Amino acid sequence: MRFGVSYSTAGNGMNPDRLLRFAQHAEACGFESFYVPEHLVLYPGAQVYGNELPADLEFADPLDLLTFVAAATHRIVLGTAVLLLPYRHPIVLAKRLATIDALSRGRMRLLTIGLGSLPGEAEAMGVDFATRGRRADESIDALRQLWGGDAEFNGVVVRSYPKPFNGDVLPIHVAGSSAPAARRAGKRGDGYFPGGALTPTDRAAQWELVRSTAAANGRDPDALEYTRWGSINAGPSQVEVLAAEGVTRLVVNAFGDTLDEQLDQLSAFASRHKLAT
């Protein structure tokens, strides 16, 4: 099992000193990865899982934030949970991700993409909410073509540089709690990262759908990573249960009121699970 940590810029999380202390402490504790979320815009009445998001909730650009973190860390792997793929142009995105990966020496390896669940956000971006699944599929294919060699856009064959570190094609993980998301992960993804609003029975069914879709498309189900959200208070026995379900990575949030409380939570989790050993 690998362990990641998620960072929120809400509140005073955009303070650069706070951000770097958190990221560097997570790395020193032995966490494998550092995740950040994305919303491009919010609006009054926007809801996720039935909970309204304040329209002034602060979300940094995840790629700019991860670039900042990469420059101040050495080992921790960089991730998004999630990047809203239908709202980004694949040519621009491919270059930005490859640049971060090259400059961090191969640490931009946990790109997790989602479709977005806020119709108003799609409308503000000029995207038809009903077509965002198709747009995401096309973008996944386009990103891999741009990283791997030639790609064709509007009848023009193009190449994009820089390439990711060591000429790799970056992994793409798929987020979402729906059946289409699970099928997308099995058909096109390198891993699956479902959301939190699922029952244990639903989770098992979704993971089986990921694996069966992969097999039906000639892919190796055992090669797919399975990432889940978890509690910062989780103990070894809870992790063992998740591992038995096929989970390969657990991502936790530190929820203390102050930065020191959050850092103490990271330290306690790392000690319980012997991350630094």
C-alpha atoms as a PDB file:
ATOM      1  CA  MET A   1       0.000   0.000   0.000  1.00  0.00           C
ATOM      2  CA  ARG A   2       1.194   3.495  -0.868  1.00  0.00           C
ATOM      3  CA  PHE A   3      -0.017   6.592   0.960  1.00  0.00           C
ATOM      4  CA  GLY A   4      -0.765  10.052  -0.363  1.00  0.00           C
ATOM      5  CA  VAL A   5      -1.936  13.275   1.209  1.00  0.00           C
ATOM      6  CA  SER A   6      -4.326  15.881  -0.177  1.00  0.00           C
ATOM      7  CA  TYR A   7      -3.848  19.623   0.359  1.00  0.00           C
ATOM      8  CA  SER A   8      -6.570  22.266   0.319  1.00  0.00           C
ATOM      9  CA  THR A   9      -6.000  25.936  -0.451  1.00  0.00           C
ATOM     10  CA  ALA A  10      -9.268  26.901   1.261  1.00  0.00           C
ATOM     11  CA  GLY A  11      -8.879  29.170   4.259  1.00  0.00           C
ATOM     12  CA  ASN A  12      -5.282  30.378   4.319  1.00  0.00           C
ATOM     13  CA  GLY A  13      -3.896  27.442   2.370  1.00  0.00           C
ATOM     14  CA  MET A  14      -2.644  29.775  -0.346  1.00  0.00           C
ATOM     15  CA  ASN A  15      -0.048  31.120   2.070  1.00  0.00           C
ATOM     16  CA  PRO A  16       3.193  29.982   0.390  1.00  0.00           C
ATOM     17  CA  ASP A  17       5.028  29.338   3.653  1.00  0.00           C
ATOM     18  CA  ARG A  18       2.172  27.189   4.950  1.00  0.00           C
ATOM     19  CA  LEU A  19       1.986  25.249   1.687  1.00  0.00           C
ATOM     20  CA  LEU A  20       5.694  24.488   1.627  1.00  0.00           C
ATOM     21  CA  ARG A  21       5.820  23.499   5.285  1.00  0.00           C
ATOM     22  CA  PHE A  22       2.957  21.071   4.684  1.00  0.00           C
ATOM     23  CA  ALA A  23       4.459  19.558   1.533  1.00  0.00           C
ATOM     24  CA  GLN A  24       7.974  19.265   2.951  1.00  0.00           C
ATOM     25  CA  HIS A  25       6.655  17.712   6.158  1.00  0.00           C
ATOM     26  CA  ALA A  26       4.594  15.194   4.196  1.00  0.00           C
ATOM     27  CA  GLU A  27       7.691  14.250   2.229  1.00  0.00           C
ATOM     28  CA  ALA A  28       9.807  13.951   5.386  1.00  0.00           C
ATOM     29  CA  CYS A  29       7.130  11.728   6.965  1.00  0.00           C
ATOM     30  CA  GLY A  30       7.395   9.300   4.064  1.00  0.00           C
ATOM     31  CA  PHE A  31       4.159   9.974   2.195  1.00  0.00           C
ATOM     32  CA  GLU A  32       4.459   8.824  -1.402  1.00  0.00           C
ATOM     33  CA  SER A  33       2.340  11.512  -3.028  1.00  0.00           C
ATOM     34  CA  PHE A  34       0.867  15.003  -2.767  1.00  0.00           C
ATOM     35  CA  TYR A  35      -2.554  15.711  -4.321  1.00  0.00           C
ATOM     36  CA  VAL A  36      -4.435  18.937  -4.998  1.00  0.00           C
ATOM     37  CA  PRO A  37      -8.014  19.478  -6.283  1.00  0.00           C
ATOM     38  CA  GLU A  38      -9.419  21.750  -8.982  1.00  0.00           C
ATOM     39  CA  HIS A  39     -12.396  23.951  -9.637  1.00  0.00           C
ATOM     40  CA  LEU A  40     -12.027  26.645 -12.263  1.00  0.00           C
ATOM     41  CA  VAL A  41     -15.026  28.686 -11.100  1.00  0.00           C
ATOM     42  CA  LEU A  42     -17.769  28.373  -8.497  1.00  0.00           C
ATOM     43  CA  TYR A  43     -21.149  30.042  -8.211  1.00  0.00           C
ATOM     44  CA  PRO A  44     -23.982  30.387  -5.678  1.00  0.00           C
ATOM     45  CA  GLY A  45     -25.899  27.126  -5.376  1.00  0.00           C
ATOM     46  CA  ALA A  46     -23.105  24.850  -6.638  1.00  0.00           C
ATOM     47  CA  GLN A  47     -23.331  21.510  -4.847  1.00  0.00           C
ATOM     48  CA  VAL A  48     -21.183  18.387  -4.560  1.00  0.00           C
ATOM     49  CA  TYR A  49     -22.774  15.263  -3.013  1.00  0.00           C
ATOM     50  CA  GLY A  50     -25.670  17.477  -1.861  1.00  0.00           C
ATOM     51  CA  ASN A  51     -23.383  19.895  -0.007  1.00  0.00           C
ATOM     52  CA  GLU A  52     -23.244  23.490  -1.202  1.00  0.00           C
ATOM     53  CA  LEU A  53     -19.795  24.876  -1.998  1.00  0.00           C
ATOM     54  CA  PRO A  54     -19.305  28.506  -0.957  1.00  0.00           C
ATOM     55  CA  ALA A  55     -18.816  30.579  -4.083  1.00  0.00           C
ATOM     56  CA  ASP A  56     -15.748  32.220  -2.512  1.00  0.00           C
ATOM     57  CA  LEU A  57     -14.030  28.923  -1.678  1.00  0.00           C
ATOM     58  CA  GLU A  58     -10.452  29.270  -2.861  1.00  0.00           C
ATOM     59  CA  PHE A  59      -9.073  26.807  -5.413  1.00  0.00           C
ATOM     60  CA  ALA A  60      -5.589  27.379  -6.803  1.00  0.00           C
ATOM     61  CA  ASP A  61      -4.604  26.279 -10.291  1.00  0.00           C
ATOM     62  CA  PRO A  62      -3.390  22.749  -9.501  1.00  0.00           C
ATOM     63  CA  LEU A  63      -0.545  22.688 -12.019  1.00  0.00           C
ATOM     64  CA  ASP A  64       0.903  26.010 -10.919  1.00  0.00           C
ATOM     65  CA  LEU A  65       0.654  24.895  -7.297  1.00  0.00           C
ATOM     66  CA  LEU A  66       2.346  21.561  -8.020  1.00  0.00           C
ATOM     67  CA  THR A  67       5.154  23.329  -9.883  1.00  0.00           C
ATOM     68  CA  PHE A  68       5.744  25.445  -6.780  1.00  0.00           C
ATOM     69  CA  VAL A  69       5.773  22.335  -4.573  1.00  0.00           C
ATOM     70  CA  ALA A  70       8.056  20.441  -6.949  1.00  0.00           C
ATOM     71  CA  ALA A  71      10.704  23.147  -6.698  1.00  0.00           C
ATOM     72  CA  ALA A  72      10.793  22.844  -2.905  1.00  0.00           C
ATOM     73  CA  THR A  73      10.707  19.030  -2.580  1.00  0.00           C
ATOM     74  CA  HIS A  74      12.832  16.166  -3.831  1.00  0.00           C
ATOM     75  CA  ARG A  75      10.935  12.877  -3.811  1.00  0.00           C
ATOM     76  CA  ILE A  76       7.194  13.236  -3.300  1.00  0.00           C
ATOM     77  CA  VAL A  77       5.073  12.340  -6.345  1.00  0.00           C
ATOM     78  CA  LEU A  78       2.706  15.017  -7.672  1.00  0.00           C
ATOM     79  CA  GLY A  79      -0.992  14.374  -8.267  1.00  0.00           C
ATOM     80  CA  THR A  80      -4.350  15.955  -9.026  1.00  0.00           C
ATOM     81  CA  ALA A  81      -7.597  14.822  -7.439  1.00  0.00           C
ATOM     82  CA  VAL A  82      -9.083  15.806  -9.698  1.00  0.00           C
ATOM     83  CA  LEU A  83      -8.182  17.840 -12.763  1.00  0.00           C
ATOM     84  CA  LEU A  84     -11.290  18.707 -14.805  1.00  0.00           C
ATOM     85  CA  LEU A  85     -10.151  17.424 -18.172  1.00  0.00           C
ATOM     86  CA  PRO A  86     -13.108  18.470 -20.400  1.00  0.00           C
ATOM     87  CA  TYR A  87     -12.438  22.125 -19.592  1.00  0.00           C
ATOM     88  CA  ARG A  88      -8.794  22.140 -20.709  1.00  0.00           C
ATOM     89  CA  HIS A  89      -7.292  22.138 -24.207  1.00  0.00           C
ATOM     90  CA  PRO A  90      -5.193  18.973 -24.618  1.00  0.00           C
ATOM     91  CA  ILE A  91      -2.365  20.688 -26.535  1.00  0.00           C
ATOM     92  CA  VAL A  92      -1.788  23.251 -23.790  1.00  0.00           C
ATOM     93  CA  LEU A  93      -2.292  20.663 -21.044  1.00  0.00           C
ATOM     94  CA  ALA A  94       0.133  18.153 -22.579  1.00  0.00           C
ATOM     95  CA  LYS A  95       2.888  20.769 -22.658  1.00  0.00           C
ATOM     96  CA  ARG A  96       2.273  21.976 -19.117  1.00  0.00           C
ATOM     97  CA  LEU A  97       2.236  18.469 -17.639  1.00  0.00           C
ATOM     98  CA  ALA A  98       5.321  17.396 -19.562  1.00  0.00           C
ATOM     99  CA  THR A  99       7.163  20.527 -18.420  1.00  0.00           C
ATOM    100  CA  ILE A 100       6.362  19.855 -14.753  1.00  0.00           C
ATOM    101  CA  ASP A 101       7.385  16.214 -15.143  1.00  0.00           C
ATOM    102  CA  ALA A 102      10.663  17.068 -16.854  1.00  0.00           C
ATOM    103  CA  LEU A 103      11.630  19.753 -14.328  1.00  0.00           C
ATOM    104  CA  SER A 104      10.680  17.544 -11.353  1.00  0.00           C
ATOM    105  CA  ARG A 105      12.647  14.614 -12.829  1.00  0.00           C
ATOM    106  CA  GLY A 106       9.634  12.379 -13.312  1.00  0.00           C
ATOM    107  CA  ARG A 107       7.337  13.227 -10.407  1.00  0.00           C
ATOM    108  CA  MET A 108       4.180  14.400 -12.258  1.00  0.00           C
ATOM    109  CA  ARG A 109       2.907  10.828 -12.317  1.00  0.00           C
ATOM    110  CA  LEU A 110      -0.477  10.867 -10.573  1.00  0.00           C
ATOM    111  CA  LEU A 111      -2.594  12.939 -12.926  1.00  0.00           C
ATOM    112  CA  THR A 112      -6.159  12.031 -11.963  1.00  0.00           C
ATOM    113  CA  ILE A 113      -8.851  13.387 -14.246  1.00  0.00           C
ATOM    114  CA  GLY A 114     -12.567  13.855 -13.802  1.00  0.00           C
ATOM    115  CA  LEU A 115     -15.472  15.242 -15.804  1.00  0.00           C
ATOM    116  CA  GLY A 116     -16.729  17.833 -13.333  1.00  0.00           C
ATOM    117  CA  SER A 117     -20.158  17.690 -11.704  1.00  0.00           C
ATOM    118  CA  LEU A 118     -21.201  21.353 -11.735  1.00  0.00           C
ATOM    119  CA  PRO A 119     -23.304  22.352 -14.765  1.00  0.00           C
ATOM    120  CA  GLY A 120     -22.672  26.035 -14.144  1.00  0.00           C
ATOM    121  CA  GLU A 121     -18.917  25.502 -14.260  1.00  0.00           C
ATOM    122  CA  ALA A 122     -19.234  23.817 -17.652  1.00  0.00           C
ATOM    123  CA  GLU A 123     -21.482  26.602 -18.925  1.00  0.00           C
ATOM    124  CA  ALA A 124     -19.024  29.256 -17.777  1.00  0.00           C
ATOM    125  CA  MET A 125     -16.236  27.445 -19.644  1.00  0.00           C
ATOM    126  CA  GLY A 126     -18.334  27.224 -22.818  1.00  0.00           C
ATOM    127  CA  VAL A 127     -18.576  23.429 -22.638  1.00  0.00           C
ATOM    128  CA  ASP A 128     -21.769  21.472 -23.256  1.00  0.00           C
ATOM    129  CA  PHE A 129     -22.252  19.601 -19.955  1.00  0.00           C
ATOM    130  CA  ALA A 130     -23.744  16.609 -21.795  1.00  0.00           C
ATOM    131  CA  THR A 131     -20.660  16.133 -23.989  1.00  0.00           C
ATOM    132  CA  ARG A 132     -17.980  16.275 -21.331  1.00  0.00           C
ATOM    133  CA  GLY A 133     -17.501  12.479 -21.234  1.00  0.00           C
ATOM    134  CA  ARG A 134     -16.754  12.337 -24.947  1.00  0.00           C
ATOM    135  CA  ARG A 135     -14.473  15.355 -24.653  1.00  0.00           C
ATOM    136  CA  ALA A 136     -12.559  13.644 -21.838  1.00  0.00           C
ATOM    137  CA  ASP A 137     -12.093  10.443 -23.862  1.00  0.00           C
ATOM    138  CA  GLU A 138     -10.785  12.412 -26.829  1.00  0.00           C
ATOM    139  CA  SER A 139      -8.443  14.406 -24.600  1.00  0.00           C
ATOM    140  CA  ILE A 140      -6.980  11.279 -22.957  1.00  0.00           C
ATOM    141  CA  ASP A 141      -6.149   9.892 -26.394  1.00  0.00           C
ATOM    142  CA  ALA A 142      -4.759  13.249 -27.553  1.00  0.00           C
ATOM    143  CA  LEU A 143      -2.516  13.658 -24.501  1.00  0.00           C
ATOM    144  CA  ARG A 144      -0.932  10.259 -25.057  1.00  0.00           C
ATOM    145  CA  GLN A 145      -0.383  10.982 -28.743  1.00  0.00           C
ATOM    146  CA  LEU A 146       1.264  14.310 -27.952  1.00  0.00           C
ATOM    147  CA  TRP A 147       3.581  12.778 -25.358  1.00  0.00           C
ATOM    148  CA  GLY A 148       4.382   9.754 -27.494  1.00  0.00           C
ATOM    149  CA  GLY A 149       5.024  11.266 -30.922  1.00  0.00           C
ATOM    150  CA  ASP A 150       2.900  12.802 -33.663  1.00  0.00           C
ATOM    151  CA  ALA A 151      -0.690  13.939 -33.167  1.00  0.00           C
ATOM    152  CA  GLU A 152      -3.203  15.344 -35.626  1.00  0.00           C
ATOM    153  CA  PHE A 153      -5.407  18.334 -34.827  1.00  0.00           C
ATOM    154  CA  ASN A 154      -7.727  19.935 -37.383  1.00  0.00           C
ATOM    155  CA  GLY A 155      -5.858  18.203 -40.193  1.00  0.00           C
ATOM    156  CA  VAL A 156      -2.423  19.369 -39.018  1.00  0.00           C
ATOM    157  CA  VAL A 157       0.156  16.814 -37.839  1.00  0.00           C
ATOM    158  CA  VAL A 158       1.972  18.291 -34.840  1.00  0.00           C
ATOM    159  CA  ARG A 159       4.618  17.421 -32.278  1.00  0.00           C
ATOM    160  CA  SER A 160       4.810  18.721 -28.727  1.00  0.00           C
ATOM    161  CA  TYR A 161       7.974  19.329 -26.695  1.00  0.00           C
ATOM    162  CA  PRO A 162       9.288  18.991 -24.082  1.00  0.00           C
ATOM    163  CA  LYS A 163       8.462  15.348 -23.575  1.00  0.00           C
ATOM    164  CA  PRO A 164       7.932  13.976 -20.074  1.00  0.00           C
ATOM    165  CA  PHE A 165      11.021  12.862 -18.156  1.00  0.00           C
ATOM    166  CA  ASN A 166      12.909  10.027 -19.881  1.00  0.00           C
ATOM    167  CA  GLY A 167      10.502  10.240 -22.817  1.00  0.00           C
ATOM    168  CA  ASP A 168       7.709   8.520 -20.887  1.00  0.00           C
ATOM    169  CA  VAL A 169       3.987   8.773 -21.571  1.00  0.00           C
ATOM    170  CA  LEU A 170       2.461  10.007 -18.326  1.00  0.00           C
ATOM    171  CA  PRO A 171      -0.025   7.753 -16.489  1.00  0.00           C
ATOM    172  CA  ILE A 172      -3.622   8.967 -16.423  1.00  0.00           C
ATOM    173  CA  HIS A 173      -5.903   7.911 -13.581  1.00  0.00           C
ATOM    174  CA  VAL A 174      -9.671   8.250 -13.885  1.00  0.00           C
ATOM    175  CA  ALA A 175     -11.855   9.531 -11.062  1.00  0.00           C
ATOM    176  CA  GLY A 176     -15.592   9.253 -10.605  1.00  0.00           C
ATOM    177  CA  SER A 177     -18.202   7.144  -8.880  1.00  0.00           C
ATOM    178  CA  SER A 178     -20.402   6.328 -11.887  1.00  0.00           C
ATOM    179  CA  ALA A 179     -20.456   3.262 -14.107  1.00  0.00           C
ATOM    180  CA  PRO A 180     -19.199   5.307 -17.108  1.00  0.00           C
ATOM    181  CA  ALA A 181     -16.239   6.483 -15.009  1.00  0.00           C
ATOM    182  CA  ALA A 182     -15.408   2.896 -14.070  1.00  0.00           C
ATOM    183  CA  ARG A 183     -15.624   1.809 -17.695  1.00  0.00           C
ATOM    184  CA  ARG A 184     -13.453   4.764 -18.750  1.00  0.00           C
ATOM    185  CA  ALA A 185     -10.832   3.732 -16.191  1.00  0.00           C
ATOM    186  CA  GLY A 186     -10.849   0.149 -17.454  1.00  0.00           C
ATOM    187  CA  LYS A 187     -10.711   1.095 -21.122  1.00  0.00           C
ATOM    188  CA  ARG A 188      -8.383   4.104 -21.061  1.00  0.00           C
ATOM    189  CA  GLY A 189      -6.964   4.654 -17.582  1.00  0.00           C
ATOM    190  CA  ASP A 190      -3.852   3.591 -15.750  1.00  0.00           C
ATOM    191  CA  GLY A 191      -5.785   3.582 -12.503  1.00  0.00           C
ATOM    192  CA  TYR A 192      -9.135   4.273 -10.850  1.00  0.00           C
ATOM    193  CA  PHE A 193      -9.869   6.774  -8.063  1.00  0.00           C
ATOM    194  CA  PRO A 194     -13.582   6.693  -7.112  1.00  0.00           C
ATOM    195  CA  GLY A 195     -15.259   9.404  -5.071  1.00  0.00           C
ATOM    196  CA  GLY A 196     -16.607   9.102  -1.570  1.00  0.00           C
ATOM    197  CA  ALA A 197     -20.354   8.668  -2.152  1.00  0.00           C
ATOM    198  CA  LEU A 198     -20.473   4.895  -2.627  1.00  0.00           C
ATOM    199  CA  THR A 199     -21.560   2.005  -0.425  1.00  0.00           C
ATOM    200  CA  PRO A 200     -19.131  -0.897   0.086  1.00  0.00           C
ATOM    201  CA  THR A 201     -21.247  -2.996  -2.292  1.00  0.00           C
ATOM    202  CA  ASP A 202     -21.167  -0.255  -4.911  1.00  0.00           C
ATOM    203  CA  ARG A 203     -17.403   0.105  -4.549  1.00  0.00           C
ATOM    204  CA  ALA A 204     -16.840  -3.589  -5.106  1.00  0.00           C
ATOM    205  CA  ALA A 205     -19.093  -3.532  -8.159  1.00  0.00           C
ATOM    206  CA  GLN A 206     -17.348  -0.477  -9.617  1.00  0.00           C
ATOM    207  CA  TRP A 207     -13.875  -1.970  -9.191  1.00  0.00           C
ATOM    208  CA  GLU A 208     -15.033  -5.206 -10.783  1.00  0.00           C
ATOM    209  CA  LEU A 209     -16.458  -3.161 -13.675  1.00  0.00           C
ATOM    210  CA  VAL A 210     -13.072  -1.448 -14.092  1.00  0.00           C
ATOM    211  CA  ARG A 211     -11.305  -4.794 -14.221  1.00  0.00           C
ATOM    212  CA  SER A 212     -13.804  -6.523 -16.504  1.00  0.00           C
ATOM    213  CA  THR A 213     -13.764  -3.580 -18.911  1.00  0.00           C
ATOM    214  CA  ALA A 214      -9.978  -3.675 -18.997  1.00  0.00           C
ATOM    215  CA  ALA A 215     -10.003  -7.390 -19.775  1.00  0.00           C
ATOM    216  CA  ALA A 216     -12.662  -6.945 -22.482  1.00  0.00           C
ATOM    217  CA  ASN A 217     -10.412  -4.367 -24.157  1.00  0.00           C
ATOM    218  CA  GLY A 218      -7.322  -6.569 -24.122  1.00  0.00           C
ATOM    219  CA  ARG A 219      -5.723  -4.816 -21.164  1.00  0.00           C
ATOM    220  CA  ASP A 220      -4.233  -6.357 -18.019  1.00  0.00           C
ATOM    221  CA  PRO A 221      -6.567  -5.646 -15.070  1.00  0.00           C
ATOM    222  CA  ASP A 222      -3.767  -6.364 -12.605  1.00  0.00           C
ATOM    223  CA  ALA A 223      -1.719  -3.500 -14.061  1.00  0.00           C
ATOM    224  CA  LEU A 224      -4.306  -0.912 -12.965  1.00  0.00           C
ATOM    225  CA  GLU A 225      -3.810   1.026  -9.745  1.00  0.00           C
ATOM    226  CA  TYR A 226      -6.715   1.453  -7.353  1.00  0.00           C
ATOM    227  CA  THR A 227      -6.637   4.638  -5.248  1.00  0.00           C
ATOM    228  CA  ARG A 228      -9.130   5.456  -2.504  1.00  0.00           C
ATOM    229  CA  TRP A 229      -9.796   8.264  -0.055  1.00  0.00           C
ATOM    230  CA  GLY A 230      -9.154   7.331   3.556  1.00  0.00           C
ATOM    231  CA  SER A 231      -9.207   8.729   7.072  1.00  0.00           C
ATOM    232  CA  ILE A 232      -6.145  10.367   8.613  1.00  0.00           C
ATOM    233  CA  ASN A 233      -7.052   8.331  11.718  1.00  0.00           C
ATOM    234  CA  ALA A 234      -7.034   4.974   9.910  1.00  0.00           C
ATOM    235  CA  GLY A 235      -5.067   2.233  11.615  1.00  0.00           C
ATOM    236  CA  PRO A 236      -3.182  -0.756  10.176  1.00  0.00           C
ATOM    237  CA  SER A 237      -6.209  -3.075  10.450  1.00  0.00           C
ATOM    238  CA  GLN A 238      -8.324  -0.725   8.327  1.00  0.00           C
ATOM    239  CA  VAL A 239      -5.566  -0.527   5.739  1.00  0.00           C
ATOM    240  CA  GLU A 240      -5.375  -4.310   5.625  1.00  0.00           C
ATOM    241  CA  VAL A 241      -9.107  -4.459   4.818  1.00  0.00           C
ATOM    242  CA  LEU A 242      -8.644  -1.989   1.962  1.00  0.00           C
ATOM    243  CA  ALA A 243      -5.640  -3.890   0.630  1.00  0.00           C
ATOM    244  CA  ALA A 244      -7.738  -7.057   0.559  1.00  0.00           C
ATOM    245  CA  GLU A 245     -10.234  -5.154  -1.622  1.00  0.00           C
ATOM    246  CA  GLY A 246      -7.477  -4.439  -4.124  1.00  0.00           C
ATOM    247  CA  VAL A 247      -6.648  -0.881  -3.043  1.00  0.00           C
ATOM    248  CA  THR A 248      -3.060   0.063  -3.891  1.00  0.00           C
ATOM    249  CA  ARG A 249      -2.990   3.661  -2.643  1.00  0.00           C
ATOM    250  CA  LEU A 250      -4.765   5.524   0.161  1.00  0.00           C
ATOM    251  CA  VAL A 251      -5.059   9.323   0.110  1.00  0.00           C
ATOM    252  CA  VAL A 252      -5.829  11.145   3.358  1.00  0.00           C
ATOM    253  CA  ASN A 253      -6.700  14.698   4.392  1.00  0.00           C
ATOM    254  CA  ALA A 254      -5.325  16.443   7.472  1.00  0.00           C
ATOM    255  CA  PHE A 255      -8.220  18.382   8.994  1.00  0.00           C
ATOM    256  CA  GLY A 256      -6.714  20.131  12.023  1.00  0.00           C
ATOM    257  CA  ASP A 257      -7.691  23.754  12.664  1.00  0.00           C
ATOM    258  CA  THR A 258      -4.085  24.941  12.592  1.00  0.00           C
ATOM    259  CA  LEU A 259      -1.104  24.004  10.478  1.00  0.00           C
ATOM    260  CA  ASP A 260       0.691  22.550  13.497  1.00  0.00           C
ATOM    261  CA  GLU A 261      -2.295  20.295  14.212  1.00  0.00           C
ATOM    262  CA  GLN A 262      -2.297  19.119  10.595  1.00  0.00           C
ATOM    263  CA  LEU A 263       1.423  18.402  10.678  1.00  0.00           C
ATOM    264  CA  ASP A 264       0.967  16.443  13.904  1.00  0.00           C
ATOM    265  CA  GLN A 265      -1.758  14.388  12.215  1.00  0.00           C
ATOM    266  CA  LEU A 266       0.588  13.596   9.314  1.00  0.00           C
ATOM    267  CA  SER A 267       3.321  12.595  11.758  1.00  0.00           C
ATOM    268  CA  ALA A 268       0.977  10.350  13.753  1.00  0.00           C
ATOM    269  CA  PHE A 269      -0.320   8.635  10.604  1.00  0.00           C
ATOM    270  CA  ALA A 270       3.225   8.104   9.340  1.00  0.00           C
ATOM    271  CA  SER A 271       4.268   6.639  12.680  1.00  0.00           C
ATOM    272  CA  ARG A 272       1.299   4.225  12.812  1.00  0.00           C
ATOM    273  CA  HIS A 273       2.044   2.942   9.315  1.00  0.00           C
ATOM    274  CA  LYS A 274       5.854   3.175   9.517  1.00  0.00           C
ATOM    275  CA  LEU A 275       6.061   5.287   6.360  1.00  0.00           C
ATOM    276  CA  ALA A 276       9.567   6.598   6.913  1.00  0.00           C
ATOM    277  CA  THR A 277      11.132   3.189   7.599  1.00  0.00           C
END
